[in-house]
Protein backbone atom coordinates (compact mmCIF):
# COMPACT_ATOMS: atom_id res chain seq x y z
CA MET A 1 -57.31 29.92 -59.50
CA ASP A 2 -59.46 32.88 -58.58
CA THR A 3 -62.68 31.15 -59.37
CA ALA A 4 -61.84 27.76 -57.66
CA LEU A 5 -64.00 26.19 -55.07
CA LYS A 6 -62.62 24.92 -51.89
CA VAL A 7 -63.10 21.50 -51.01
CA ALA A 8 -61.98 19.49 -47.99
CA PHE A 9 -61.00 15.93 -47.43
CA ALA A 10 -61.10 13.86 -44.12
CA THR A 11 -57.97 12.20 -44.34
CA THR A 12 -54.82 10.88 -42.45
CA ASP A 13 -52.67 9.94 -45.34
CA MET A 14 -53.32 12.97 -47.57
CA GLU A 15 -54.16 10.48 -50.54
CA THR A 16 -57.37 8.81 -49.41
CA VAL A 17 -60.48 9.75 -47.72
CA ASN A 18 -60.55 7.63 -44.83
CA GLN A 19 -61.92 9.33 -41.92
CA HIS A 20 -65.37 9.88 -40.14
CA PHE A 21 -66.04 13.63 -40.04
CA GLY A 22 -66.65 13.91 -36.29
CA SER A 23 -63.32 11.98 -35.49
CA ALA A 24 -61.31 13.18 -38.37
CA LYS A 25 -57.74 13.57 -37.28
CA SER A 26 -56.98 15.95 -40.38
CA PHE A 27 -58.39 17.35 -43.54
CA ALA A 28 -56.67 18.29 -46.57
CA VAL A 29 -58.28 21.49 -48.13
CA TYR A 30 -57.72 21.79 -51.93
CA ALA A 31 -58.72 24.90 -54.24
CA VAL A 32 -60.31 23.09 -57.35
CA ASP A 33 -61.26 24.62 -60.86
CA LEU A 34 -61.98 23.04 -64.17
CA GLU A 35 -58.28 22.03 -64.89
CA HIS A 36 -56.41 22.62 -61.84
CA SER A 37 -56.31 21.59 -58.10
CA GLU A 38 -53.92 22.89 -55.42
CA LEU A 39 -53.35 21.89 -51.94
CA LEU A 40 -53.98 24.81 -49.58
CA GLU A 41 -53.92 23.39 -46.32
CA ALA A 42 -53.26 20.35 -44.19
CA ALA A 43 -55.12 20.79 -41.00
CA GLN A 44 -54.26 18.48 -38.12
CA PHE A 45 -56.41 17.52 -34.94
CA GLY A 46 -55.80 15.66 -31.91
CA GLU A 47 -57.23 12.19 -31.11
CA LEU A 48 -61.16 12.46 -31.13
CA SER A 49 -63.51 9.69 -30.64
CA GLN A 50 -66.98 9.48 -32.27
CA ASP A 51 -68.81 9.97 -28.94
CA GLY A 52 -71.27 12.66 -30.23
CA ASN A 53 -69.20 15.54 -28.19
CA GLU A 54 -70.72 18.78 -30.13
CA ASP A 55 -67.80 20.96 -29.13
CA LYS A 56 -65.25 19.11 -31.47
CA LEU A 57 -67.47 19.83 -34.35
CA SER A 58 -67.36 23.57 -34.11
CA VAL A 59 -63.59 23.66 -34.72
CA LYS A 60 -63.64 21.64 -37.76
CA ILE A 61 -66.80 23.41 -39.08
CA ASP A 62 -64.77 26.70 -38.49
CA LEU A 63 -61.84 25.45 -40.22
CA LEU A 64 -63.81 24.69 -43.42
CA ASN A 65 -65.50 28.11 -43.45
CA GLY A 66 -65.52 28.97 -47.17
CA CYS A 67 -65.37 25.42 -48.40
CA ALA A 68 -68.01 24.23 -50.93
CA ALA A 69 -67.95 20.81 -49.78
CA VAL A 70 -66.32 18.21 -47.22
CA TYR A 71 -65.69 14.58 -48.52
CA CYS A 72 -65.79 12.20 -45.50
CA GLN A 73 -66.33 8.39 -44.93
CA ALA A 74 -69.24 8.89 -42.60
CA ILE A 75 -71.00 11.79 -40.87
CA GLY A 76 -73.57 12.15 -38.14
CA GLY A 77 -76.72 13.87 -38.53
CA SER A 78 -75.81 17.05 -36.22
CA ALA A 79 -72.70 17.58 -38.29
CA ILE A 80 -74.68 17.48 -41.38
CA ASN A 81 -77.02 19.97 -40.16
CA GLN A 82 -74.24 22.40 -38.98
CA LEU A 83 -72.22 22.21 -42.33
CA ILE A 84 -75.63 22.90 -44.39
CA LEU A 85 -76.26 25.98 -42.24
CA LYS A 86 -72.68 27.20 -43.47
CA ASN A 87 -73.46 26.21 -46.99
CA ILE A 88 -70.96 23.42 -47.08
CA GLN A 89 -72.17 20.25 -48.65
CA PRO A 90 -71.22 16.97 -46.72
CA ILE A 91 -70.44 14.39 -49.38
CA LYS A 92 -70.01 10.53 -47.98
CA VAL A 93 -67.62 8.45 -50.00
CA HIS A 94 -66.47 4.87 -49.80
CA GLU A 95 -63.44 3.88 -47.73
CA GLY A 96 -60.26 4.46 -49.39
CA SER A 97 -61.64 6.66 -52.15
CA LYS A 98 -58.52 8.62 -53.69
CA ILE A 99 -58.43 12.31 -53.44
CA LYS A 100 -57.10 12.57 -56.74
CA ASP A 101 -59.82 10.81 -58.38
CA LEU A 102 -62.62 12.67 -56.37
CA ILE A 103 -60.86 15.91 -57.66
CA ILE A 104 -61.20 14.61 -61.17
CA ASP A 105 -64.82 13.42 -60.65
CA LEU A 106 -65.68 17.09 -59.46
CA GLN A 107 -63.81 18.91 -62.26
CA ASN A 108 -65.66 16.36 -64.76
CA GLU A 109 -68.85 17.38 -63.14
CA ILE A 110 -68.37 21.17 -63.31
CA LYS A 111 -67.77 20.64 -66.98
CA ALA A 112 -70.50 18.03 -67.72
CA GLY A 113 -73.21 20.45 -65.81
CA PRO A 114 -73.12 20.72 -62.06
CA SER A 115 -75.60 19.06 -59.53
CA ASN A 116 -77.71 21.27 -57.61
CA TRP A 117 -75.53 21.63 -54.65
CA LEU A 118 -72.47 22.37 -56.95
CA ALA A 119 -74.47 25.00 -59.05
CA LYS A 120 -75.19 26.61 -55.68
CA ALA A 121 -71.62 26.63 -54.53
CA ILE A 122 -70.19 28.02 -57.76
CA ASN A 123 -72.74 30.77 -57.87
CA GLN A 124 -71.96 31.80 -54.34
CA HIS A 125 -68.19 32.07 -55.34
CA LYS A 126 -69.22 34.04 -58.53
CA SER A 127 -68.64 37.97 -58.38
CA PRO A 128 -71.57 39.96 -59.41
CA ASP A 129 -72.10 40.91 -62.87
CA PRO A 130 -70.50 44.25 -63.49
CA GLU A 131 -72.85 44.89 -66.31
CA ARG A 132 -76.04 43.97 -64.49
CA PHE A 133 -77.27 47.55 -64.06
CA SER A 134 -76.93 48.56 -67.68
CA LYS A 135 -78.48 45.38 -68.60
CA MET A 136 -81.39 46.47 -66.32
CA GLU A 137 -81.43 49.87 -67.72
CA ASP A 138 -81.58 48.56 -71.46
CA GLU A 139 -84.68 46.43 -70.39
CA GLY A 140 -86.36 49.67 -69.26
CA TRP A 141 -86.05 48.95 -65.49
CA ASP A 142 -87.07 51.81 -63.25
CA GLU A 143 -87.18 52.15 -59.59
């Protein structure tokens, strides 16, 4: 799963997305590629309220470093802005959305032609083309 994307889900039961981002007690972090998914981490937090306390966001956003997206029931504007700055796409889903179904939807989207945020995430996780300099030379590129 070298080319897999990391995605996180705000969940308490590891089966459904059932948490607001800011007060999420835990996240399930998965690696997802075209055919497979694998649970990488189940991160737990203490009891947090939805009070606008900005300090609680930094811990969560740091945990999500390297993730392409985070799925949650709801999310505040400040959290959205901070996630976008880290190239993490916040995705709001309906209460009780099943993680396995969201992973299948994500895999189907990759296969069918990714949306803008997903295409950007895929490109960020690609290694540079090792043939790129040869191609430039073939095209007559010069310094």
